[in-house]
Amino acid sequence: HTVMMSLPGFLTLARLAVFSPPSRERDQWRAALIANIVT
């Protein structure tokens, strides 16, 4: 149940953080993605 609730947001954030064009928001998303991976 925990993994199923985590995956939609995590995968969405990962996709945009990795494949979005360079921008200030992409830097924000990548910082949040790294923090989320560790957590």
Full PDB file with SEQRES, HELIX, SHEET, SSBOND, CRYST1, ORIGX, SCALE, CONECT and MASTER records, all heavy atoms in Angstrom:
SEQRES   1 A   39  HIS THR VAL MET MET SER LEU PRO GLY PHE LEU THR LEU          
SEQRES   2 A   39  ALA ARG LEU ALA VAL PHE SER PRO PRO SER ARG GLU ARG          
SEQRES   3 A   39  ASP GLN TRP ARG ALA ALA LEU ILE ALA ASN ILE VAL THR          
HELIX    1 AA1 THR A    2  PHE A   19  1                                  18    
HELIX    2 AA2 ARG A   24  VAL A   38  1                                  15    
CRYST1    1.000    1.000    1.000  90.00  90.00  90.00 P 1           1          
ORIGX1      1.000000  0.000000  0.000000        0.00000                         
ORIGX2      0.000000  1.000000  0.000000        0.00000                         
ORIGX3      0.000000  0.000000  1.000000        0.00000                         
SCALE1      1.000000  0.000000  0.000000        0.00000                         
SCALE2      0.000000  1.000000  0.000000        0.00000                         
SCALE3      0.000000  0.000000  1.000000        0.00000                         
ATOM      1  N   HIS A   1       0.835  -1.209   0.000  1.00  0.00           N  
ATOM      2  CA  HIS A   1       0.000   0.000   0.000  1.00  0.00           C  
ATOM      3  C   HIS A   1       0.873   1.264   0.000  1.00  0.00           C  
ATOM      4  O   HIS A   1       0.613   2.218  -0.746  1.00  0.00           O  
ATOM      5  CB  HIS A   1      -0.911  -0.019   1.227  1.00  0.00           C  
ATOM      6  CG  HIS A   1      -1.916   1.093   1.239  1.00  0.00           C  
ATOM      7  ND1 HIS A   1      -2.462   1.585   2.398  1.00  0.00           N  
ATOM      8  CD2 HIS A   1      -2.458   1.845   0.241  1.00  0.00           C  
ATOM      9  CE1 HIS A   1      -3.306   2.561   2.115  1.00  0.00           C  
ATOM     10  NE2 HIS A   1      -3.318   2.734   0.808  1.00  0.00           N  
ATOM     11  N   THR A   2       1.916   1.257   0.807  1.00  0.00           N  
ATOM     12  CA  THR A   2       2.806   2.416   0.879  1.00  0.00           C  
ATOM     13  C   THR A   2       3.517   2.658  -0.450  1.00  0.00           C  
ATOM     14  O   THR A   2       3.610   3.794  -0.926  1.00  0.00           O  
ATOM     15  CB  THR A   2       3.845   2.204   1.996  1.00  0.00           C  
ATOM     16  OG1 THR A   2       3.171   2.017   3.243  1.00  0.00           O  
ATOM     17  CG2 THR A   2       4.787   3.399   2.103  1.00  0.00           C  
ATOM     18  N   VAL A   3       4.014   1.587  -1.060  1.00  0.00           N  
ATOM     19  CA  VAL A   3       4.710   1.719  -2.343  1.00  0.00           C  
ATOM     20  C   VAL A   3       3.764   2.205  -3.430  1.00  0.00           C  
ATOM     21  O   VAL A   3       4.113   3.073  -4.251  1.00  0.00           O  
ATOM     22  CB  VAL A   3       5.358   0.375  -2.728  1.00  0.00           C  
ATOM     23  CG1 VAL A   3       5.918   0.441  -4.149  1.00  0.00           C  
ATOM     24  CG2 VAL A   3       6.466   0.012  -1.744  1.00  0.00           C  
ATOM     25  N   MET A   4       2.536   1.676  -3.436  1.00  0.00           N  
ATOM     26  CA  MET A   4       1.566   2.084  -4.458  1.00  0.00           C  
ATOM     27  C   MET A   4       1.205   3.559  -4.325  1.00  0.00           C  
ATOM     28  O   MET A   4       0.999   4.242  -5.332  1.00  0.00           O  
ATOM     29  CB  MET A   4       0.308   1.214  -4.353  1.00  0.00           C  
ATOM     30  CG  MET A   4       0.495  -0.214  -4.821  1.00  0.00           C  
ATOM     31  SD  MET A   4      -1.016  -1.196  -4.635  1.00  0.00           S  
ATOM     32  CE  MET A   4      -2.122  -0.322  -5.738  1.00  0.00           C  
ATOM     33  N   MET A   5       1.130   4.054  -3.102  1.00  0.00           N  
ATOM     34  CA  MET A   5       0.845   5.479  -2.919  1.00  0.00           C  
ATOM     35  C   MET A   5       2.042   6.348  -3.279  1.00  0.00           C  
ATOM     36  O   MET A   5       1.876   7.504  -3.671  1.00  0.00           O  
ATOM     37  CB  MET A   5       0.417   5.736  -1.469  1.00  0.00           C  
ATOM     38  CG  MET A   5      -0.946   5.190  -1.108  1.00  0.00           C  
ATOM     39  SD  MET A   5      -1.521   5.739   0.515  1.00  0.00           S  
ATOM     40  CE  MET A   5      -0.298   4.990   1.588  1.00  0.00           C  
ATOM     41  N   SER A   6       3.242   5.817  -3.147  1.00  0.00           N  
ATOM     42  CA  SER A   6       4.451   6.603  -3.406  1.00  0.00           C  
ATOM     43  C   SER A   6       4.779   6.703  -4.889  1.00  0.00           C  
ATOM     44  O   SER A   6       5.304   7.730  -5.336  1.00  0.00           O  
ATOM     45  CB  SER A   6       5.645   5.980  -2.673  1.00  0.00           C  
ATOM     46  OG  SER A   6       5.401   5.882  -1.299  1.00  0.00           O  
ATOM     47  N   LEU A   7       4.502   5.647  -5.651  1.00  0.00           N  
ATOM     48  CA  LEU A   7       4.973   5.575  -7.028  1.00  0.00           C  
ATOM     49  C   LEU A   7       4.450   6.686  -7.945  1.00  0.00           C  
ATOM     50  O   LEU A   7       5.239   7.250  -8.711  1.00  0.00           O  
ATOM     51  CB  LEU A   7       4.632   4.206  -7.623  1.00  0.00           C  
ATOM     52  CG  LEU A   7       5.587   3.063  -7.248  1.00  0.00           C  
ATOM     53  CD1 LEU A   7       5.105   1.752  -7.857  1.00  0.00           C  
ATOM     54  CD2 LEU A   7       6.999   3.374  -7.709  1.00  0.00           C  
ATOM     55  N   PRO A   8       3.136   7.019  -7.937  1.00  0.00           N  
ATOM     56  CA  PRO A   8       2.673   8.043  -8.898  1.00  0.00           C  
ATOM     57  C   PRO A   8       3.422   9.367  -8.784  1.00  0.00           C  
ATOM     58  O   PRO A   8       3.901   9.903  -9.785  1.00  0.00           O  
ATOM     59  CB  PRO A   8       1.185   8.192  -8.539  1.00  0.00           C  
ATOM     60  CG  PRO A   8       0.802   6.899  -7.911  1.00  0.00           C  
ATOM     61  CD  PRO A   8       2.007   6.459  -7.155  1.00  0.00           C  
ATOM     62  N   GLY A   9       3.528   9.894  -7.578  1.00  0.00           N  
ATOM     63  CA  GLY A   9       4.229  11.165  -7.414  1.00  0.00           C  
ATOM     64  C   GLY A   9       5.716  11.038  -7.692  1.00  0.00           C  
ATOM     65  O   GLY A   9       6.322  11.917  -8.317  1.00  0.00           O  
ATOM     66  N   PHE A  10       6.321   9.937  -7.243  1.00  0.00           N  
ATOM     67  CA  PHE A  10       7.755   9.758  -7.416  1.00  0.00           C  
ATOM     68  C   PHE A  10       8.114   9.639  -8.896  1.00  0.00           C  
ATOM     69  O   PHE A  10       9.061  10.272  -9.376  1.00  0.00           O  
ATOM     70  CB  PHE A  10       8.201   8.505  -6.662  1.00  0.00           C  
ATOM     71  CG  PHE A  10       9.687   8.348  -6.573  1.00  0.00           C  
ATOM     72  CD1 PHE A  10      10.416   9.023  -5.607  1.00  0.00           C  
ATOM     73  CD2 PHE A  10      10.371   7.553  -7.466  1.00  0.00           C  
ATOM     74  CE1 PHE A  10      11.793   8.887  -5.524  1.00  0.00           C  
ATOM     75  CE2 PHE A  10      11.744   7.409  -7.406  1.00  0.00           C  
ATOM     76  CZ  PHE A  10      12.455   8.082  -6.426  1.00  0.00           C  
ATOM     77  N   LEU A  11       7.363   8.820  -9.643  1.00  0.00           N  
ATOM     78  CA  LEU A  11       7.659   8.628 -11.066  1.00  0.00           C  
ATOM     79  C   LEU A  11       7.403   9.901 -11.861  1.00  0.00           C  
ATOM     80  O   LEU A  11       8.147  10.228 -12.794  1.00  0.00           O  
ATOM     81  CB  LEU A  11       6.834   7.469 -11.619  1.00  0.00           C  
ATOM     82  CG  LEU A  11       7.178   6.078 -11.057  1.00  0.00           C  
ATOM     83  CD1 LEU A  11       6.252   5.024 -11.641  1.00  0.00           C  
ATOM     84  CD2 LEU A  11       8.633   5.725 -11.348  1.00  0.00           C  
ATOM     85  N   THR A  12       6.333  10.633 -11.508  1.00  0.00           N  
ATOM     86  CA  THR A  12       6.045  11.889 -12.203  1.00  0.00           C  
ATOM     87  C   THR A  12       7.164  12.904 -11.982  1.00  0.00           C  
ATOM     88  O   THR A  12       7.641  13.552 -12.922  1.00  0.00           O  
ATOM     89  CB  THR A  12       4.708  12.466 -11.717  1.00  0.00           C  
ATOM     90  OG1 THR A  12       3.665  11.517 -11.947  1.00  0.00           O  
ATOM     91  CG2 THR A  12       4.385  13.756 -12.445  1.00  0.00           C  
ATOM     92  N   LEU A  13       7.586  13.032 -10.735  1.00  0.00           N  
ATOM     93  CA  LEU A  13       8.681  13.954 -10.423  1.00  0.00           C  
ATOM     94  C   LEU A  13       9.965  13.531 -11.122  1.00  0.00           C  
ATOM     95  O   LEU A  13      10.697  14.371 -11.670  1.00  0.00           O  
ATOM     96  CB  LEU A  13       8.890  14.016  -8.915  1.00  0.00           C  
ATOM     97  CG  LEU A  13      10.049  14.878  -8.412  1.00  0.00           C  
ATOM     98  CD1 LEU A  13       9.846  16.333  -8.811  1.00  0.00           C  
ATOM     99  CD2 LEU A  13      10.195  14.757  -6.892  1.00  0.00           C  
ATOM    100  N   ALA A  14      10.260  12.219 -11.133  1.00  0.00           N  
ATOM    101  CA  ALA A  14      11.484  11.726 -11.766  1.00  0.00           C  
ATOM    102  C   ALA A  14      11.474  12.002 -13.264  1.00  0.00           C  
ATOM    103  O   ALA A  14      12.485  12.435 -13.840  1.00  0.00           O  
ATOM    104  CB  ALA A  14      11.643  10.242 -11.489  1.00  0.00           C  
ATOM    105  N   ARG A  15      10.340  11.760 -13.902  1.00  0.00           N  
ATOM    106  CA  ARG A  15      10.261  11.977 -15.354  1.00  0.00           C  
ATOM    107  C   ARG A  15      10.502  13.433 -15.711  1.00  0.00           C  
ATOM    108  O   ARG A  15      11.279  13.752 -16.632  1.00  0.00           O  
ATOM    109  CB  ARG A  15       8.882  11.535 -15.862  1.00  0.00           C  
ATOM    110  CG  ARG A  15       8.641  11.793 -17.345  1.00  0.00           C  
ATOM    111  CD  ARG A  15       7.304  11.229 -17.787  1.00  0.00           C  
ATOM    112  NE  ARG A  15       6.207  11.784 -17.021  1.00  0.00           N  
ATOM    113  CZ  ARG A  15       5.622  12.952 -17.295  1.00  0.00           C  
ATOM    114  NH1 ARG A  15       6.055  13.694 -18.315  1.00  0.00           N  
ATOM    115  NH2 ARG A  15       4.616  13.390 -16.572  1.00  0.00           N  
ATOM    116  N   LEU A  16       9.862  14.353 -14.993  1.00  0.00           N  
ATOM    117  CA  LEU A  16      10.023  15.772 -15.304  1.00  0.00           C  
ATOM    118  C   LEU A  16      11.412  16.282 -14.914  1.00  0.00           C  
ATOM    119  O   LEU A  16      11.986  17.122 -15.603  1.00  0.00           O  
ATOM    120  CB  LEU A  16       8.946  16.571 -14.579  1.00  0.00           C  
ATOM    121  CG  LEU A  16       7.520  16.340 -15.080  1.00  0.00           C  
ATOM    122  CD1 LEU A  16       6.508  17.057 -14.198  1.00  0.00           C  
ATOM    123  CD2 LEU A  16       7.374  16.810 -16.522  1.00  0.00           C  
ATOM    124  N   ALA A  17      11.954  15.767 -13.802  1.00  0.00           N  
ATOM    125  CA  ALA A  17      13.276  16.220 -13.368  1.00  0.00           C  
ATOM    126  C   ALA A  17      14.375  15.781 -14.322  1.00  0.00           C  
ATOM    127  O   ALA A  17      15.383  16.478 -14.485  1.00  0.00           O  
ATOM    128  CB  ALA A  17      13.568  15.702 -11.965  1.00  0.00           C  
ATOM    129  N   VAL A  18      14.190  14.639 -14.967  1.00  0.00           N  
ATOM    130  CA  VAL A  18      15.225  14.095 -15.838  1.00  0.00           C  
ATOM    131  C   VAL A  18      15.079  14.581 -17.279  1.00  0.00           C  
ATOM    132  O   VAL A  18      16.068  14.935 -17.940  1.00  0.00           O  
ATOM    133  CB  VAL A  18      15.212  12.554 -15.786  1.00  0.00           C  
ATOM    134  CG1 VAL A  18      16.187  11.968 -16.820  1.00  0.00           C  
ATOM    135  CG2 VAL A  18      15.569  12.063 -14.389  1.00  0.00           C  
ATOM    136  N   PHE A  19      13.847  14.631 -17.775  1.00  0.00           N  
ATOM    137  CA  PHE A  19      13.648  14.873 -19.203  1.00  0.00           C  
ATOM    138  C   PHE A  19      13.165  16.275 -19.553  1.00  0.00           C  
ATOM    139  O   PHE A  19      13.025  16.587 -20.733  1.00  0.00           O  
ATOM    140  CB  PHE A  19      12.645  13.848 -19.759  1.00  0.00           C  
ATOM    141  CG  PHE A  19      13.115  12.425 -19.644  1.00  0.00           C  
ATOM    142  CD1 PHE A  19      12.542  11.563 -18.724  1.00  0.00           C  
ATOM    143  CD2 PHE A  19      14.164  11.957 -20.433  1.00  0.00           C  
ATOM    144  CE1 PHE A  19      12.981  10.249 -18.606  1.00  0.00           C  
ATOM    145  CE2 PHE A  19      14.607  10.652 -20.316  1.00  0.00           C  
ATOM    146  CZ  PHE A  19      14.024   9.795 -19.400  1.00  0.00           C  
ATOM    147  N   SER A  20      12.896  17.127 -18.584  1.00  0.00           N  
ATOM    148  CA  SER A  20      12.455  18.493 -18.897  1.00  0.00           C  
ATOM    149  C   SER A  20      13.619  19.314 -19.436  1.00  0.00           C  
ATOM    150  O   SER A  20      14.781  19.059 -19.105  1.00  0.00           O  
ATOM    151  CB  SER A  20      11.885  19.168 -17.649  1.00  0.00           C  
ATOM    152  OG  SER A  20      10.713  18.522 -17.224  1.00  0.00           O  
ATOM    153  N   PRO A  21      13.341  20.324 -20.253  1.00  0.00           N  
ATOM    154  CA  PRO A  21      14.416  21.210 -20.729  1.00  0.00           C  
ATOM    155  C   PRO A  21      14.990  22.010 -19.570  1.00  0.00           C  
ATOM    156  O   PRO A  21      14.337  22.202 -18.542  1.00  0.00           O  
ATOM    157  CB  PRO A  21      13.702  22.116 -21.747  1.00  0.00           C  
ATOM    158  CG  PRO A  21      12.259  22.046 -21.390  1.00  0.00           C  
ATOM    159  CD  PRO A  21      12.030  20.682 -20.830  1.00  0.00           C  
ATOM    160  N   PRO A  22      16.225  22.491 -19.711  1.00  0.00           N  
ATOM    161  CA  PRO A  22      16.862  23.243 -18.624  1.00  0.00           C  
ATOM    162  C   PRO A  22      16.033  24.450 -18.193  1.00  0.00           C  
ATOM    163  O   PRO A  22      15.544  25.211 -19.023  1.00  0.00           O  
ATOM    164  CB  PRO A  22      18.199  23.678 -19.237  1.00  0.00           C  
ATOM    165  CG  PRO A  22      18.465  22.680 -20.321  1.00  0.00           C  
ATOM    166  CD  PRO A  22      17.119  22.321 -20.875  1.00  0.00           C  
ATOM    167  N   SER A  23      15.859  24.590 -16.883  1.00  0.00           N  
ATOM    168  CA  SER A  23      15.117  25.714 -16.328  1.00  0.00           C  
ATOM    169  C   SER A  23      15.364  25.754 -14.825  1.00  0.00           C  
ATOM    170  O   SER A  23      15.915  24.807 -14.243  1.00  0.00           O  
ATOM    171  CB  SER A  23      13.614  25.589 -16.609  1.00  0.00           C  
ATOM    172  OG  SER A  23      13.077  24.476 -15.926  1.00  0.00           O  
ATOM    173  N   ARG A  24      14.928  26.844 -14.198  1.00  0.00           N  
ATOM    174  CA  ARG A  24      15.041  26.958 -12.740  1.00  0.00           C  
ATOM    175  C   ARG A  24      14.168  25.895 -12.073  1.00  0.00           C  
ATOM    176  O   ARG A  24      14.550  25.312 -11.054  1.00  0.00           O  
ATOM    177  CB  ARG A  24      14.613  28.359 -12.309  1.00  0.00           C  
ATOM    178  CG  ARG A  24      14.551  28.556 -10.786  1.00  0.00           C  
ATOM    179  CD  ARG A  24      15.927  28.417 -10.166  1.00  0.00           C  
ATOM    180  NE  ARG A  24      15.863  28.466  -8.718  1.00  0.00           N  
ATOM    181  CZ  ARG A  24      15.856  29.585  -8.007  1.00  0.00           C  
ATOM    182  NH1 ARG A  24      15.882  30.749  -8.609  1.00  0.00           N  
ATOM    183  NH2 ARG A  24      15.839  29.543  -6.690  1.00  0.00           N  
ATOM    184  N   GLU A  25      12.997  25.637 -12.649  1.00  0.00           N  
ATOM    185  CA  GLU A  25      12.106  24.641 -12.052  1.00  0.00           C  
ATOM    186  C   GLU A  25      12.709  23.248 -12.129  1.00  0.00           C  
ATOM    187  O   GLU A  25      12.545  22.446 -11.212  1.00  0.00           O  
ATOM    188  CB  GLU A  25      10.744  24.663 -12.741  1.00  0.00           C  
ATOM    189  CG  GLU A  25       9.876  25.828 -12.304  1.00  0.00           C  
ATOM    190  CD  GLU A  25       8.420  25.606 -12.646  1.00  0.00           C  
ATOM    191  OE1 GLU A  25       8.170  25.098 -13.760  1.00  0.00           O  
ATOM    192  OE2 GLU A  25       7.553  25.933 -11.823  1.00  0.00           O  
ATOM    193  N   ARG A  26      13.402  22.942 -13.226  1.00  0.00           N  
ATOM    194  CA  ARG A  26      14.019  21.616 -13.319  1.00  0.00           C  
ATOM    195  C   ARG A  26      15.071  21.445 -12.223  1.00  0.00           C  
ATOM    196  O   ARG A  26      15.213  20.356 -11.657  1.00  0.00           O  
ATOM    197  CB  ARG A  26      14.655  21.405 -14.691  1.00  0.00           C  
ATOM    198  CG  ARG A  26      15.097  19.957 -14.915  1.00  0.00           C  
ATOM    199  CD  ARG A  26      15.834  19.773 -16.221  1.00  0.00           C  
ATOM    200  NE  ARG A  26      17.160  20.401 -16.174  1.00  0.00           N  
ATOM    201  CZ  ARG A  26      18.092  20.223 -17.104  1.00  0.00           C  
ATOM    202  NH1 ARG A  26      17.849  19.432 -18.149  1.00  0.00           N  
ATOM    203  NH2 ARG A  26      19.262  20.828 -17.009  1.00  0.00           N  
ATOM    204  N   ASP A  27      15.795  22.500 -11.901  1.00  0.00           N  
ATOM    205  CA  ASP A  27      16.758  22.426 -10.806  1.00  0.00           C  
ATOM    206  C   ASP A  27      16.041  22.132  -9.483  1.00  0.00           C  
ATOM    207  O   ASP A  27      16.532  21.349  -8.659  1.00  0.00           O  
ATOM    208  CB  ASP A  27      17.543  23.735 -10.701  1.00  0.00           C  
ATOM    209  CG  ASP A  27      18.414  23.984 -11.921  1.00  0.00           C  
ATOM    210  OD1 ASP A  27      18.734  23.010 -12.623  1.00  0.00           O  
ATOM    211  OD2 ASP A  27      18.763  25.154 -12.169  1.00  0.00           O  
ATOM    212  N   GLN A  28      14.891  22.776  -9.281  1.00  0.00           N  
ATOM    213  CA  GLN A  28      14.102  22.508  -8.074  1.00  0.00           C  
ATOM    214  C   GLN A  28      13.653  21.054  -8.035  1.00  0.00           C  
ATOM    215  O   GLN A  28      13.748  20.386  -7.004  1.00  0.00           O  
ATOM    216  CB  GLN A  28      12.882  23.425  -8.033  1.00  0.00           C  
ATOM    217  CG  GLN A  28      13.198  24.890  -7.825  1.00  0.00           C  
ATOM    218  CD  GLN A  28      11.933  25.721  -7.790  1.00  0.00           C  
ATOM    219  OE1 GLN A  28      10.922  25.370  -8.387  1.00  0.00           O  
ATOM    220  NE2 GLN A  28      11.990  26.845  -7.088  1.00  0.00           N  
ATOM    221  N   TRP A  29      13.150  20.572  -9.157  1.00  0.00           N  
ATOM    222  CA  TRP A  29      12.649  19.194  -9.205  1.00  0.00           C  
ATOM    223  C   TRP A  29      13.771  18.187  -8.965  1.00  0.00           C  
ATOM    224  O   TRP A  29      13.564  17.169  -8.292  1.00  0.00           O  
ATOM    225  CB  TRP A  29      11.982  18.934 -10.558  1.00  0.00           C  
ATOM    226  CG  TRP A  29      10.773  19.792 -10.795  1.00  0.00           C  
ATOM    227  CD1 TRP A  29      10.024  20.427  -9.837  1.00  0.00           C  
ATOM    228  CD2 TRP A  29      10.191  20.146 -12.053  1.00  0.00           C  
ATOM    229  NE1 TRP A  29       9.010  21.131 -10.419  1.00  0.00           N  
ATOM    230  CE2 TRP A  29       9.079  20.986 -11.776  1.00  0.00           C  
ATOM    231  CE3 TRP A  29      10.490  19.831 -13.377  1.00  0.00           C  
ATOM    232  CZ2 TRP A  29       8.273  21.507 -12.794  1.00  0.00           C  
ATOM    233  CZ3 TRP A  29       9.686  20.345 -14.385  1.00  0.00           C  
ATOM    234  CH2 TRP A  29       8.597  21.181 -14.089  1.00  0.00           C  
ATOM    235  N   ARG A  30      14.943  18.456  -9.517  1.00  0.00           N  
ATOM    236  CA  ARG A  30      16.062  17.525  -9.315  1.00  0.00           C  
ATOM    237  C   ARG A  30      16.516  17.511  -7.855  1.00  0.00           C  
ATOM    238  O   ARG A  30      16.836  16.449  -7.322  1.00  0.00           O  
ATOM    239  CB  ARG A  30      17.219  17.906 -10.247  1.00  0.00           C  
ATOM    240  CG  ARG A  30      16.927  17.585 -11.711  1.00  0.00           C  
ATOM    241  CD  ARG A  30      18.131  17.819 -12.604  1.00  0.00           C  
ATOM    242  NE  ARG A  30      17.880  17.323 -13.957  1.00  0.00           N  
ATOM    243  CZ  ARG A  30      18.765  17.319 -14.935  1.00  0.00           C  
ATOM    244  NH1 ARG A  30      19.982  17.807 -14.717  1.00  0.00           N  
ATOM    245  NH2 ARG A  30      18.452  16.846 -16.126  1.00  0.00           N  
ATOM    246  N   ALA A  31      16.543  18.680  -7.240  1.00  0.00           N  
ATOM    247  CA  ALA A  31      16.910  18.726  -5.819  1.00  0.00           C  
ATOM    248  C   ALA A  31      15.903  17.959  -4.979  1.00  0.00           C  
ATOM    249  O   ALA A  31      16.265  17.201  -4.064  1.00  0.00           O  
ATOM    250  CB  ALA A  31      17.002  20.177  -5.357  1.00  0.00           C  
ATOM    251  N   ALA A  32      14.608  18.135  -5.286  1.00  0.00           N  
ATOM    252  CA  ALA A  32      13.571  17.406  -4.550  1.00  0.00           C  
ATOM    253  C   ALA A  32      13.648  15.913  -4.831  1.00  0.00           C  
ATOM    254  O   ALA A  32      13.418  15.082  -3.934  1.00  0.00           O  
ATOM    255  CB  ALA A  32      12.195  17.942  -4.936  1.00  0.00           C  
ATOM    256  N   LEU A  33      13.961  15.533  -6.069  1.00  0.00           N  
ATOM    257  CA  LEU A  33      14.055  14.117  -6.424  1.00  0.00           C  
ATOM    258  C   LEU A  33      15.172  13.428  -5.649  1.00  0.00           C  
ATOM    259  O   LEU A  33      14.987  12.327  -5.110  1.00  0.00           O  
ATOM    260  CB  LEU A  33      14.285  13.973  -7.933  1.00  0.00           C  
ATOM    261  CG  LEU A  33      14.454  12.538  -8.454  1.00  0.00           C  
ATOM    262  CD1 LEU A  33      13.183  11.734  -8.212  1.00  0.00           C  
ATOM    263  CD2 LEU A  33      14.822  12.546  -9.932  1.00  0.00           C  
ATOM    264  N   ILE A  34      16.331  14.070  -5.566  1.00  0.00           N  
ATOM    265  CA  ILE A  34      17.447  13.474  -4.822  1.00  0.00           C  
ATOM    266  C   ILE A  34      17.081  13.305  -3.351  1.00  0.00           C  
ATOM    267  O   ILE A  34      17.332  12.257  -2.744  1.00  0.00           O  
ATOM    268  CB  ILE A  34      18.709  14.358  -4.978  1.00  0.00           C  
ATOM    269  CG1 ILE A  34      19.192  14.341  -6.436  1.00  0.00           C  
ATOM    270  CG2 ILE A  34      19.813  13.878  -4.040  1.00  0.00           C  
ATOM    271  CD1 ILE A  34      20.312  15.324  -6.713  1.00  0.00           C  
ATOM    272  N   ALA A  35      16.454  14.340  -2.782  1.00  0.00           N  
ATOM    273  CA  ALA A  35      16.037  14.251  -1.374  1.00  0.00           C  
ATOM    274  C   ALA A  35      15.025  13.135  -1.180  1.00  0.00           C  
ATOM    275  O   ALA A  35      15.077  12.382  -0.192  1.00  0.00           O  
ATOM    276  CB  ALA A  35      15.459  15.587  -0.914  1.00  0.00           C  
ATOM    277  N   ASN A  36      14.098  12.976  -2.131  1.00  0.00           N  
ATOM    278  CA  ASN A  36      13.087  11.926  -2.020  1.00  0.00           C  
ATOM    279  C   ASN A  36      13.683  10.538  -2.173  1.00  0.00           C  
ATOM    280  O   ASN A  36      13.263   9.598  -1.490  1.00  0.00           O  
ATOM    281  CB  ASN A  36      11.986  12.141  -3.062  1.00  0.00           C  
ATOM    282  CG  ASN A  36      10.939  13.128  -2.609  1.00  0.00           C  
ATOM    283  OD1 ASN A  36       9.844  12.745  -2.215  1.00  0.00           O  
ATOM    284  ND2 ASN A  36      11.252  14.403  -2.661  1.00  0.00           N  
ATOM    285  N   ILE A  37      14.660  10.393  -3.068  1.00  0.00           N  
ATOM    286  CA  ILE A  37      15.301   9.087  -3.242  1.00  0.00           C  
ATOM    287  C   ILE A  37      15.954   8.647  -1.942  1.00  0.00           C  
ATOM    288  O   ILE A  37      15.805   7.498  -1.505  1.00  0.00           O  
ATOM    289  CB  ILE A  37      16.346   9.153  -4.381  1.00  0.00           C  
ATOM    290  CG1 ILE A  37      15.640   9.272  -5.743  1.00  0.00           C  
ATOM    291  CG2 ILE A  37      17.238   7.916  -4.365  1.00  0.00           C  
ATOM    292  CD1 ILE A  37      16.599   9.480  -6.897  1.00  0.00           C  
ATOM    293  N   VAL A  38      16.651   9.572  -1.291  1.00  0.00           N  
ATOM    294  CA  VAL A  38      17.322   9.238  -0.024  1.00  0.00           C  
ATOM    295  C   VAL A  38      16.295   8.903   1.051  1.00  0.00           C  
ATOM    296  O   VAL A  38      16.439   7.922   1.790  1.00  0.00           O  
ATOM    297  CB  VAL A  38      18.227  10.399   0.417  1.00  0.00           C  
ATOM    298  CG1 VAL A  38      18.842  10.113   1.777  1.00  0.00           C  
ATOM    299  CG2 VAL A  38      19.328  10.640  -0.614  1.00  0.00           C  
ATOM    300  N   THR A  39      15.231   9.719   1.151  1.00  0.00           N  
ATOM    301  CA  THR A  39      14.228   9.495   2.191  1.00  0.00           C  
ATOM    302  C   THR A  39      13.500   8.174   1.994  1.00  0.00           C  
ATOM    303  O   THR A  39      13.337   7.385   2.934  1.00  0.00           O  
ATOM    304  CB  THR A  39      13.216  10.651   2.207  1.00  0.00           C  
ATOM    305  OG1 THR A  39      13.910  11.880   2.419  1.00  0.00           O  
ATOM    306  CG2 THR A  39      12.197  10.461   3.316  1.00  0.00           C  
TER     307      THR A  39                                                      
MASTER        0    0    0    2    0    0    0    6  306    1    0    3          
END                                                                             
